[in-house]
Amino acid sequence: MTSSWNVTKELIENEKAEQHGSTIDVSFCIRATENEAKAAKTVSKPSSGKILHIKDEIVANVLWKTLEIRDFLTSSKHIHTPWGRALSVALTNISKTMGVQPTMSTQEAFLTAFELIRFDVLTNKPYSKTYSTIAGDEKEQCHIRLISRALSLLPMELKSAPWSGPFNRDLLVFNSFVKALDRSYRNLCEMLTLSLFLNNGVVKEQKDYFEIADSLPYMSDANVTLGLVTKHYLEQIVTGRDPASATQSAEKTFLSCTALAADLRRGLLFWDALVKGTKVLKDAGSLSNESYQAFYQANQWLQNKF
């Protein structure tokens, strides 16, 4: 399964120097294939004289193969597909706005978001008619539903105590899709790693097996906390509160959160980058105009609400 990927230490170290980074993650792999010239360097076949030796080689090749299998990279030239370009735009945008490289959890959130957009799961439509009503008119409800689902993909800073705050059935249902997808991604990465070892693509005697496993994405499940906070905050806004009082209301309601305002701001940056990625998909014909408009209109509505 990993036969088209055998990128060794020399290229990886050169790419790390060019990116001014030291971590092998999804963002690294996307940037390393951002144009045809760079992608061409990664096209290589395994040989007995070029087996992988170190953790960075193993993790990078597993991530690249994962991105190829999931149609973010092409199998022949290793260049970005429309989904890969959308992911690249989102990662680049949030890196610029935050001033630092996105964390692994943020990279995972983008990957999951685009997959769920592709599966028509991350939408503004309810999954059932039996859920509790969202505040606002019908259009506002659609916007709040979509935005809170998207932001629920990000983790929050929480106290080491049981959750204190309301739940929402729609977000819990959405989270069941998220967990199923994320666990499938984790299984795929682990099986690709195992394939490398079983097919003699790597040196089998390693001293850092745990570090290899720990460097693969989706080590833990996502929860819905930021989605719950976002929903509550936006509902306060549509009922007439200003951003400051809406934030205070959220802080009083969700006592388990330790940096609620900062997490909301981080979620807003994630949302903005995600919308820019959907524009790439729409322009490439990979996302219907109807689906794109749901994100675009929600984003227009969201302006000046934080």
C-alpha atoms as a PDB file:
ATOM      1  CA  MET A   1       0.000   0.000   0.000  1.00  0.00           C
ATOM      2  CA  THR A   2       2.950   2.351   0.547  1.00  0.00           C
ATOM      3  CA  SER A   3       4.778   1.313  -2.635  1.00  0.00           C
ATOM      4  CA  SER A   4       4.638   4.789  -4.233  1.00  0.00           C
ATOM      5  CA  TRP A   5       6.123   6.537  -1.208  1.00  0.00           C
ATOM      6  CA  ASN A   6       9.720   6.080  -0.128  1.00  0.00           C
ATOM      7  CA  VAL A   7      10.926   9.559   0.779  1.00  0.00           C
ATOM      8  CA  THR A   8      14.119   9.324   2.780  1.00  0.00           C
ATOM      9  CA  LYS A   9      15.891  11.442   5.388  1.00  0.00           C
ATOM     10  CA  GLU A  10      17.816  13.738   3.019  1.00  0.00           C
ATOM     11  CA  LEU A  11      14.737  15.176   1.316  1.00  0.00           C
ATOM     12  CA  ILE A  12      12.816  15.407   4.595  1.00  0.00           C
ATOM     13  CA  GLU A  13      15.651  17.269   6.327  1.00  0.00           C
ATOM     14  CA  ASN A  14      15.977  19.671   3.386  1.00  0.00           C
ATOM     15  CA  GLU A  15      12.239  20.317   3.478  1.00  0.00           C
ATOM     16  CA  LYS A  16      12.283  20.909   7.244  1.00  0.00           C
ATOM     17  CA  ALA A  17      15.048  23.478   6.750  1.00  0.00           C
ATOM     18  CA  GLU A  18      13.079  25.185   3.970  1.00  0.00           C
ATOM     19  CA  GLN A  19       9.946  25.314   6.122  1.00  0.00           C
ATOM     20  CA  HIS A  20      11.942  26.440   9.197  1.00  0.00           C
ATOM     21  CA  GLY A  21      10.333  23.688  11.237  1.00  0.00           C
ATOM     22  CA  SER A  22      11.161  20.440  12.937  1.00  0.00           C
ATOM     23  CA  THR A  23       7.812  18.642  13.209  1.00  0.00           C
ATOM     24  CA  ILE A  24       6.486  16.106  10.743  1.00  0.00           C
ATOM     25  CA  ASP A  25       2.719  16.572  10.527  1.00  0.00           C
ATOM     26  CA  VAL A  26      -0.091  17.062   8.015  1.00  0.00           C
ATOM     27  CA  SER A  27       0.857  20.683   7.427  1.00  0.00           C
ATOM     28  CA  PHE A  28       4.461  19.709   6.674  1.00  0.00           C
ATOM     29  CA  CYS A  29       3.356  17.071   4.161  1.00  0.00           C
ATOM     30  CA  ILE A  30       0.982  19.447   2.402  1.00  0.00           C
ATOM     31  CA  ARG A  31       3.587  22.205   2.138  1.00  0.00           C
ATOM     32  CA  ALA A  32       6.197  19.715   0.906  1.00  0.00           C
ATOM     33  CA  THR A  33       3.981  18.949  -2.111  1.00  0.00           C
ATOM     34  CA  GLU A  34       2.628  22.467  -2.737  1.00  0.00           C
ATOM     35  CA  ASN A  35       3.806  22.602  -6.363  1.00  0.00           C
ATOM     36  CA  GLU A  36       4.740  20.126  -9.088  1.00  0.00           C
ATOM     37  CA  ALA A  37       8.485  20.666  -8.717  1.00  0.00           C
ATOM     38  CA  LYS A  38       8.471  19.876  -4.998  1.00  0.00           C
ATOM     39  CA  ALA A  39       5.980  17.039  -5.367  1.00  0.00           C
ATOM     40  CA  ALA A  40       8.115  15.394  -8.061  1.00  0.00           C
ATOM     41  CA  LYS A  41      10.936  14.950  -5.556  1.00  0.00           C
ATOM     42  CA  THR A  42       8.697  12.721  -3.420  1.00  0.00           C
ATOM     43  CA  VAL A  43       7.922  10.250  -6.222  1.00  0.00           C
ATOM     44  CA  SER A  44      10.134   7.246  -5.529  1.00  0.00           C
ATOM     45  CA  LYS A  45       9.846   3.483  -5.305  1.00  0.00           C
ATOM     46  CA  PRO A  46      11.105   1.380  -2.404  1.00  0.00           C
ATOM     47  CA  SER A  47      14.326  -0.563  -2.958  1.00  0.00           C
ATOM     48  CA  SER A  48      16.509  -2.775  -0.810  1.00  0.00           C
ATOM     49  CA  GLY A  49      19.073  -0.013  -0.602  1.00  0.00           C
ATOM     50  CA  LYS A  50      16.624   2.725   0.407  1.00  0.00           C
ATOM     51  CA  ILE A  51      14.651   1.456   3.353  1.00  0.00           C
ATOM     52  CA  LEU A  52      13.459   3.915   5.995  1.00  0.00           C
ATOM     53  CA  HIS A  53      15.398   4.158   9.249  1.00  0.00           C
ATOM     54  CA  ILE A  54      14.109   6.927  11.504  1.00  0.00           C
ATOM     55  CA  LYS A  55      10.801   8.109  12.960  1.00  0.00           C
ATOM     56  CA  ASP A  56      10.480  11.205  10.754  1.00  0.00           C
ATOM     57  CA  GLU A  57      10.840   9.114   7.598  1.00  0.00           C
ATOM     58  CA  ILE A  58       8.198   6.634   8.753  1.00  0.00           C
ATOM     59  CA  VAL A  59       5.687   9.255   9.900  1.00  0.00           C
ATOM     60  CA  ALA A  60       6.091  11.436   6.798  1.00  0.00           C
ATOM     61  CA  ASN A  61       5.581   8.566   4.360  1.00  0.00           C
ATOM     62  CA  VAL A  62       2.554   7.281   6.284  1.00  0.00           C
ATOM     63  CA  LEU A  63       0.966  10.752   6.287  1.00  0.00           C
ATOM     64  CA  TRP A  64       1.638  11.264   2.587  1.00  0.00           C
ATOM     65  CA  LYS A  65       0.100   7.905   1.736  1.00  0.00           C
ATOM     66  CA  THR A  66      -2.902   8.689   3.930  1.00  0.00           C
ATOM     67  CA  LEU A  67      -3.429  11.980   2.102  1.00  0.00           C
ATOM     68  CA  GLU A  68      -3.159  10.160  -1.215  1.00  0.00           C
ATOM     69  CA  ILE A  69      -5.684   7.479  -0.245  1.00  0.00           C
ATOM     70  CA  ARG A  70      -8.126  10.154   0.913  1.00  0.00           C
ATOM     71  CA  ASP A  71      -7.778  12.105  -2.366  1.00  0.00           C
ATOM     72  CA  PHE A  72      -5.857  15.095  -1.074  1.00  0.00           C
ATOM     73  CA  LEU A  73      -2.844  14.096  -3.220  1.00  0.00           C
ATOM     74  CA  THR A  74      -2.713  12.353  -6.595  1.00  0.00           C
ATOM     75  CA  SER A  75      -1.185   8.884  -6.740  1.00  0.00           C
ATOM     76  CA  SER A  76       0.967   9.433  -9.830  1.00  0.00           C
ATOM     77  CA  LYS A  77       2.534  12.881  -9.386  1.00  0.00           C
ATOM     78  CA  HIS A  78       1.802  13.498  -5.685  1.00  0.00           C
ATOM     79  CA  ILE A  79       0.343  16.925  -6.497  1.00  0.00           C
ATOM     80  CA  HIS A  80      -2.642  18.457  -4.721  1.00  0.00           C
ATOM     81  CA  THR A  81      -6.152  17.551  -5.788  1.00  0.00           C
ATOM     82  CA  PRO A  82      -8.864  20.230  -5.305  1.00  0.00           C
ATOM     83  CA  TRP A  83      -9.349  18.859  -1.792  1.00  0.00           C
ATOM     84  CA  GLY A  84      -5.611  19.105  -1.203  1.00  0.00           C
ATOM     85  CA  ARG A  85      -5.583  22.702  -2.437  1.00  0.00           C
ATOM     86  CA  ALA A  86      -8.486  23.534  -0.123  1.00  0.00           C
ATOM     87  CA  LEU A  87      -6.642  21.990   2.828  1.00  0.00           C
ATOM     88  CA  SER A  88      -3.472  23.864   1.877  1.00  0.00           C
ATOM     89  CA  VAL A  89      -5.303  27.199   1.673  1.00  0.00           C
ATOM     90  CA  ALA A  90      -6.963  26.637   5.052  1.00  0.00           C
ATOM     91  CA  LEU A  91      -3.691  25.659   6.761  1.00  0.00           C
ATOM     92  CA  THR A  92      -1.765  28.531   5.187  1.00  0.00           C
ATOM     93  CA  ASN A  93      -4.465  31.054   6.105  1.00  0.00           C
ATOM     94  CA  ILE A  94      -4.675  30.090   9.765  1.00  0.00           C
ATOM     95  CA  SER A  95      -0.874  29.966  10.012  1.00  0.00           C
ATOM     96  CA  LYS A  96      -0.679  33.563   8.786  1.00  0.00           C
ATOM     97  CA  THR A  97      -3.476  34.874  11.000  1.00  0.00           C
ATOM     98  CA  MET A  98      -2.192  33.142  14.139  1.00  0.00           C
ATOM     99  CA  GLY A  99       1.466  33.832  13.407  1.00  0.00           C
ATOM    100  CA  VAL A 100       2.469  30.240  14.203  1.00  0.00           C
ATOM    101  CA  GLN A 101       2.068  26.833  12.647  1.00  0.00           C
ATOM    102  CA  PRO A 102      -1.287  25.242  13.535  1.00  0.00           C
ATOM    103  CA  THR A 103      -1.225  22.557  16.199  1.00  0.00           C
ATOM    104  CA  MET A 104      -1.854  18.925  15.315  1.00  0.00           C
ATOM    105  CA  SER A 105      -5.374  19.166  16.758  1.00  0.00           C
ATOM    106  CA  THR A 106      -6.155  22.107  14.450  1.00  0.00           C
ATOM    107  CA  GLN A 107      -4.743  20.244  11.455  1.00  0.00           C
ATOM    108  CA  GLU A 108      -6.891  17.243  12.357  1.00  0.00           C
ATOM    109  CA  ALA A 109      -9.929  19.534  12.621  1.00  0.00           C
ATOM    110  CA  PHE A 110      -9.385  20.832   9.083  1.00  0.00           C
ATOM    111  CA  LEU A 111      -8.883  17.322   7.722  1.00  0.00           C
ATOM    112  CA  THR A 112     -12.056  16.121   9.442  1.00  0.00           C
ATOM    113  CA  ALA A 113     -14.028  19.190   8.331  1.00  0.00           C
ATOM    114  CA  PHE A 114     -13.219  18.721   4.653  1.00  0.00           C
ATOM    115  CA  GLU A 115     -14.017  15.020   4.833  1.00  0.00           C
ATOM    116  CA  LEU A 116     -17.396  15.746   6.444  1.00  0.00           C
ATOM    117  CA  ILE A 117     -18.095  18.431   3.837  1.00  0.00           C
ATOM    118  CA  ARG A 118     -17.328  15.847   1.159  1.00  0.00           C
ATOM    119  CA  PHE A 119     -19.732  13.396   2.836  1.00  0.00           C
ATOM    120  CA  ASP A 120     -22.436  16.096   3.134  1.00  0.00           C
ATOM    121  CA  VAL A 121     -22.414  15.758   6.936  1.00  0.00           C
ATOM    122  CA  LEU A 122     -21.001  19.173   7.857  1.00  0.00           C
ATOM    123  CA  THR A 123     -24.011  21.169   6.651  1.00  0.00           C
ATOM    124  CA  ASN A 124     -26.548  23.613   8.081  1.00  0.00           C
ATOM    125  CA  LYS A 125     -29.361  21.061   7.870  1.00  0.00           C
ATOM    126  CA  PRO A 126     -30.826  19.339  10.952  1.00  0.00           C
ATOM    127  CA  TYR A 127     -30.423  15.576  11.211  1.00  0.00           C
ATOM    128  CA  SER A 128     -33.884  15.186  12.730  1.00  0.00           C
ATOM    129  CA  LYS A 129     -36.990  17.240  13.490  1.00  0.00           C
ATOM    130  CA  THR A 130     -37.003  16.183  17.131  1.00  0.00           C
ATOM    131  CA  TYR A 131     -34.167  18.390  18.403  1.00  0.00           C
ATOM    132  CA  SER A 132     -34.626  21.424  20.602  1.00  0.00           C
ATOM    133  CA  THR A 133     -35.165  24.710  18.781  1.00  0.00           C
ATOM    134  CA  ILE A 134     -32.241  27.064  18.202  1.00  0.00           C
ATOM    135  CA  ALA A 135     -32.781  30.756  18.953  1.00  0.00           C
ATOM    136  CA  GLY A 136     -33.346  33.107  16.032  1.00  0.00           C
ATOM    137  CA  ASP A 137     -35.254  32.930  12.774  1.00  0.00           C
ATOM    138  CA  GLU A 138     -34.864  30.076  10.302  1.00  0.00           C
ATOM    139  CA  LYS A 139     -31.815  31.555   8.528  1.00  0.00           C
ATOM    140  CA  GLU A 140     -30.104  32.406  11.805  1.00  0.00           C
ATOM    141  CA  GLN A 141     -30.738  28.893  13.074  1.00  0.00           C
ATOM    142  CA  CYS A 142     -29.066  27.440   9.969  1.00  0.00           C
ATOM    143  CA  HIS A 143     -26.043  29.691  10.431  1.00  0.00           C
ATOM    144  CA  ILE A 144     -25.690  28.866  14.136  1.00  0.00           C
ATOM    145  CA  ARG A 145     -26.064  25.143  13.432  1.00  0.00           C
ATOM    146  CA  LEU A 146     -23.321  25.125  10.778  1.00  0.00           C
ATOM    147  CA  ILE A 147     -20.877  27.334  12.679  1.00  0.00           C
ATOM    148  CA  SER A 148     -21.263  25.478  15.972  1.00  0.00           C
ATOM    149  CA  ARG A 149     -20.791  22.118  14.241  1.00  0.00           C
ATOM    150  CA  ALA A 150     -17.609  23.333  12.558  1.00  0.00           C
ATOM    151  CA  LEU A 151     -16.128  24.816  15.731  1.00  0.00           C
ATOM    152  CA  SER A 152     -16.979  21.678  17.712  1.00  0.00           C
ATOM    153  CA  LEU A 153     -14.087  20.026  15.870  1.00  0.00           C
ATOM    154  CA  LEU A 154     -11.598  22.085  17.912  1.00  0.00           C
ATOM    155  CA  PRO A 155     -10.585  21.272  21.500  1.00  0.00           C
ATOM    156  CA  MET A 156     -10.976  23.690  24.412  1.00  0.00           C
ATOM    157  CA  GLU A 157      -8.955  24.419  27.539  1.00  0.00           C
ATOM    158  CA  LEU A 158     -10.913  22.712  30.349  1.00  0.00           C
ATOM    159  CA  LYS A 159     -10.571  22.248  34.084  1.00  0.00           C
ATOM    160  CA  SER A 160      -9.694  18.808  35.424  1.00  0.00           C
ATOM    161  CA  ALA A 161     -13.257  18.313  36.631  1.00  0.00           C
ATOM    162  CA  PRO A 162     -16.552  16.878  35.332  1.00  0.00           C
ATOM    163  CA  TRP A 163     -18.228  18.897  32.570  1.00  0.00           C
ATOM    164  CA  SER A 164     -20.400  21.729  33.854  1.00  0.00           C
ATOM    165  CA  GLY A 165     -22.839  23.115  31.303  1.00  0.00           C
ATOM    166  CA  PRO A 166     -25.668  22.176  28.958  1.00  0.00           C
ATOM    167  CA  PHE A 167     -25.506  19.618  26.151  1.00  0.00           C
ATOM    168  CA  ASN A 168     -27.069  19.700  22.701  1.00  0.00           C
ATOM    169  CA  ARG A 169     -28.388  16.644  20.898  1.00  0.00           C
ATOM    170  CA  ASP A 170     -27.581  17.904  17.390  1.00  0.00           C
ATOM    171  CA  LEU A 171     -23.930  18.469  18.311  1.00  0.00           C
ATOM    172  CA  LEU A 172     -23.707  15.079  20.007  1.00  0.00           C
ATOM    173  CA  VAL A 173     -25.067  13.400  16.863  1.00  0.00           C
ATOM    174  CA  PHE A 174     -22.574  15.356  14.761  1.00  0.00           C
ATOM    175  CA  ASN A 175     -19.832  14.248  17.130  1.00  0.00           C
ATOM    176  CA  SER A 176     -20.738  10.607  16.521  1.00  0.00           C
ATOM    177  CA  PHE A 177     -19.913  11.138  12.826  1.00  0.00           C
ATOM    178  CA  VAL A 178     -16.683  12.888  13.821  1.00  0.00           C
ATOM    179  CA  LYS A 179     -15.557  10.071  16.105  1.00  0.00           C
ATOM    180  CA  ALA A 180     -16.318   7.397  13.500  1.00  0.00           C
ATOM    181  CA  LEU A 181     -14.289   9.271  10.891  1.00  0.00           C
ATOM    182  CA  ASP A 182     -11.393  10.171  13.174  1.00  0.00           C
ATOM    183  CA  ARG A 183     -11.043   6.614  14.463  1.00  0.00           C
ATOM    184  CA  SER A 184     -11.069   5.332  10.873  1.00  0.00           C
ATOM    185  CA  TYR A 185      -8.279   7.782  10.033  1.00  0.00           C
ATOM    186  CA  ARG A 186      -6.290   6.578  13.037  1.00  0.00           C
ATOM    187  CA  ASN A 187      -6.770   2.956  12.000  1.00  0.00           C
ATOM    188  CA  LEU A 188      -5.663   3.785   8.451  1.00  0.00           C
ATOM    189  CA  CYS A 189      -2.468   5.468   9.680  1.00  0.00           C
ATOM    190  CA  GLU A 190      -1.671   2.573  11.986  1.00  0.00           C
ATOM    191  CA  MET A 191      -2.288  -0.039   9.262  1.00  0.00           C
ATOM    192  CA  LEU A 192      -0.063   1.856   6.829  1.00  0.00           C
ATOM    193  CA  THR A 193       2.664   1.960   9.470  1.00  0.00           C
ATOM    194  CA  LEU A 194       2.263  -1.769  10.063  1.00  0.00           C
ATOM    195  CA  SER A 195       2.441  -2.366   6.304  1.00  0.00           C
ATOM    196  CA  LEU A 196       5.805  -0.617   6.149  1.00  0.00           C
ATOM    197  CA  PHE A 197       7.189  -2.889   8.861  1.00  0.00           C
ATOM    198  CA  LEU A 198       5.709  -6.115   7.467  1.00  0.00           C
ATOM    199  CA  ASN A 199       6.925  -5.412   3.930  1.00  0.00           C
ATOM    200  CA  ASN A 200      10.482  -4.584   4.995  1.00  0.00           C
ATOM    201  CA  GLY A 201      10.123  -0.914   4.101  1.00  0.00           C
ATOM    202  CA  VAL A 202      11.718   0.152   7.380  1.00  0.00           C
ATOM    203  CA  VAL A 203      14.337  -1.050   9.802  1.00  0.00           C
ATOM    204  CA  LYS A 204      12.266  -3.193  12.161  1.00  0.00           C
ATOM    205  CA  GLU A 205      14.398  -2.723  15.258  1.00  0.00           C
ATOM    206  CA  GLN A 206      13.377   0.717  16.484  1.00  0.00           C
ATOM    207  CA  LYS A 207      13.886   2.359  19.873  1.00  0.00           C
ATOM    208  CA  ASP A 208      11.008   4.820  19.511  1.00  0.00           C
ATOM    209  CA  TYR A 209       7.891   2.808  18.700  1.00  0.00           C
ATOM    210  CA  PHE A 210       5.816   4.934  21.067  1.00  0.00           C
ATOM    211  CA  GLU A 211       7.130   8.172  19.532  1.00  0.00           C
ATOM    212  CA  ILE A 212       6.125   6.893  16.081  1.00  0.00           C
ATOM    213  CA  ALA A 213       2.597   6.109  17.287  1.00  0.00           C
ATOM    214  CA  ASP A 214       2.378   9.400  19.172  1.00  0.00           C
ATOM    215  CA  SER A 215       3.327  11.363  16.036  1.00  0.00           C
ATOM    216  CA  LEU A 216       0.445   9.966  13.999  1.00  0.00           C
ATOM    217  CA  PRO A 217      -2.772  12.032  13.962  1.00  0.00           C
ATOM    218  CA  TYR A 218      -6.024  11.374  15.826  1.00  0.00           C
ATOM    219  CA  MET A 219      -4.461  10.087  19.030  1.00  0.00           C
ATOM    220  CA  SER A 220      -7.593  11.084  20.962  1.00  0.00           C
ATOM    221  CA  ASP A 221     -11.269  11.732  20.251  1.00  0.00           C
ATOM    222  CA  ALA A 222     -12.700  15.196  19.663  1.00  0.00           C
ATOM    223  CA  ASN A 223     -15.435  16.486  21.946  1.00  0.00           C
ATOM    224  CA  VAL A 224     -18.171  19.074  21.362  1.00  0.00           C
ATOM    225  CA  THR A 225     -17.323  21.658  24.011  1.00  0.00           C
ATOM    226  CA  LEU A 226     -16.405  24.555  21.705  1.00  0.00           C
ATOM    227  CA  GLY A 227     -19.496  23.833  19.612  1.00  0.00           C
ATOM    228  CA  LEU A 228     -21.687  24.056  22.713  1.00  0.00           C
ATOM    229  CA  VAL A 229     -20.066  27.322  23.765  1.00  0.00           C
ATOM    230  CA  THR A 230     -20.348  28.769  20.249  1.00  0.00           C
ATOM    231  CA  LYS A 231     -24.024  27.858  19.997  1.00  0.00           C
ATOM    232  CA  HIS A 232     -24.790  29.485  23.355  1.00  0.00           C
ATOM    233  CA  TYR A 233     -22.779  32.602  22.475  1.00  0.00           C
ATOM    234  CA  LEU A 234     -24.474  33.106  19.091  1.00  0.00           C
ATOM    235  CA  GLU A 235     -27.915  32.501  20.575  1.00  0.00           C
ATOM    236  CA  GLN A 236     -27.200  35.296  23.064  1.00  0.00           C
ATOM    237  CA  ILE A 237     -26.222  37.551  20.164  1.00  0.00           C
ATOM    238  CA  VAL A 238     -29.440  36.927  18.193  1.00  0.00           C
ATOM    239  CA  THR A 239     -31.522  37.632  21.286  1.00  0.00           C
ATOM    240  CA  GLY A 240     -30.024  41.114  21.498  1.00  0.00           C
ATOM    241  CA  ARG A 241     -26.890  40.911  23.622  1.00  0.00           C
ATOM    242  CA  ASP A 242     -23.634  42.558  22.621  1.00  0.00           C
ATOM    243  CA  PRO A 243     -20.451  40.449  22.249  1.00  0.00           C
ATOM    244  CA  ALA A 244     -19.114  41.355  25.708  1.00  0.00           C
ATOM    245  CA  SER A 245     -22.269  40.364  27.575  1.00  0.00           C
ATOM    246  CA  ALA A 246     -22.702  37.264  25.389  1.00  0.00           C
ATOM    247  CA  THR A 247     -19.182  36.174  26.366  1.00  0.00           C
ATOM    248  CA  GLN A 248     -19.925  36.818  30.051  1.00  0.00           C
ATOM    249  CA  SER A 249     -23.093  34.738  29.778  1.00  0.00           C
ATOM    250  CA  ALA A 250     -21.117  31.872  28.225  1.00  0.00           C
ATOM    251  CA  GLU A 251     -18.465  32.067  30.955  1.00  0.00           C
ATOM    252  CA  LYS A 252     -21.147  31.871  33.653  1.00  0.00           C
ATOM    253  CA  THR A 253     -22.863  28.944  31.895  1.00  0.00           C
ATOM    254  CA  PHE A 254     -19.784  26.868  31.070  1.00  0.00           C
ATOM    255  CA  LEU A 255     -17.788  26.854  34.292  1.00  0.00           C
ATOM    256  CA  SER A 256     -15.494  24.042  33.127  1.00  0.00           C
ATOM    257  CA  CYS A 257     -13.823  26.300  30.540  1.00  0.00           C
ATOM    258  CA  THR A 258     -10.619  28.053  31.589  1.00  0.00           C
ATOM    259  CA  ALA A 259      -9.985  30.288  28.540  1.00  0.00           C
ATOM    260  CA  LEU A 260     -13.396  30.615  26.903  1.00  0.00           C
ATOM    261  CA  ALA A 261     -12.903  33.979  25.179  1.00  0.00           C
ATOM    262  CA  ALA A 262      -9.521  32.949  23.750  1.00  0.00           C
ATOM    263  CA  ASP A 263     -10.937  29.631  22.524  1.00  0.00           C
ATOM    264  CA  LEU A 264     -13.805  31.459  20.798  1.00  0.00           C
ATOM    265  CA  ARG A 265     -11.345  33.765  19.032  1.00  0.00           C
ATOM    266  CA  ARG A 266      -9.287  30.753  17.945  1.00  0.00           C
ATOM    267  CA  GLY A 267     -12.461  29.107  16.677  1.00  0.00           C
ATOM    268  CA  LEU A 268     -13.290  32.199  14.634  1.00  0.00           C
ATOM    269  CA  LEU A 269      -9.877  32.042  12.920  1.00  0.00           C
ATOM    270  CA  PHE A 270     -10.464  28.355  12.184  1.00  0.00           C
ATOM    271  CA  TRP A 271     -13.883  29.138  10.701  1.00  0.00           C
ATOM    272  CA  ASP A 272     -12.490  31.912   8.500  1.00  0.00           C
ATOM    273  CA  ALA A 273      -9.781  29.619   7.110  1.00  0.00           C
ATOM    274  CA  LEU A 274     -12.298  26.814   6.535  1.00  0.00           C
ATOM    275  CA  VAL A 275     -14.577  29.119   4.521  1.00  0.00           C
ATOM    276  CA  LYS A 276     -11.627  30.130   2.337  1.00  0.00           C
ATOM    277  CA  GLY A 277     -10.991  26.434   1.720  1.00  0.00           C
ATOM    278  CA  THR A 278     -14.603  25.854   0.646  1.00  0.00           C
ATOM    279  CA  LYS A 279     -14.200  28.665  -1.918  1.00  0.00           C
ATOM    280  CA  VAL A 280     -11.345  26.686  -3.502  1.00  0.00           C
ATOM    281  CA  LEU A 281     -13.586  23.605  -3.712  1.00  0.00           C
ATOM    282  CA  LYS A 282     -16.458  25.566  -5.242  1.00  0.00           C
ATOM    283  CA  ASP A 283     -14.191  27.168  -7.867  1.00  0.00           C
ATOM    284  CA  ALA A 284     -12.784  23.726  -8.761  1.00  0.00           C
ATOM    285  CA  GLY A 285     -16.250  22.226  -9.160  1.00  0.00           C
ATOM    286  CA  SER A 286     -15.725  19.840  -6.230  1.00  0.00           C
ATOM    287  CA  LEU A 287     -18.390  21.485  -4.055  1.00  0.00           C
ATOM    288  CA  SER A 288     -21.862  22.486  -5.176  1.00  0.00           C
ATOM    289  CA  ASN A 289     -22.771  26.153  -5.143  1.00  0.00           C
ATOM    290  CA  GLU A 290     -25.602  25.374  -2.718  1.00  0.00           C
ATOM    291  CA  SER A 291     -23.190  23.842  -0.206  1.00  0.00           C
ATOM    292  CA  TYR A 292     -20.715  26.686  -0.624  1.00  0.00           C
ATOM    293  CA  GLN A 293     -23.415  29.305  -0.165  1.00  0.00           C
ATOM    294  CA  ALA A 294     -24.272  27.793   3.225  1.00  0.00           C
ATOM    295  CA  PHE A 295     -20.719  28.576   4.384  1.00  0.00           C
ATOM    296  CA  TYR A 296     -20.496  31.920   2.588  1.00  0.00           C
ATOM    297  CA  GLN A 297     -23.808  33.233   3.908  1.00  0.00           C
ATOM    298  CA  ALA A 298     -23.071  32.019   7.442  1.00  0.00           C
ATOM    299  CA  ASN A 299     -19.724  33.791   7.262  1.00  0.00           C
ATOM    300  CA  GLN A 300     -21.330  37.030   6.064  1.00  0.00           C
ATOM    301  CA  TRP A 301     -23.869  36.820   8.887  1.00  0.00           C
ATOM    302  CA  LEU A 302     -21.103  36.168  11.430  1.00  0.00           C
ATOM    303  CA  GLN A 303     -19.267  39.422  10.722  1.00  0.00           C
ATOM    304  CA  ASN A 304     -19.146  41.847  13.694  1.00  0.00           C
ATOM    305  CA  LYS A 305     -20.682  39.280  16.059  1.00  0.00           C
ATOM    306  CA  PHE A 306     -17.441  38.682  17.963  1.00  0.00           C
END
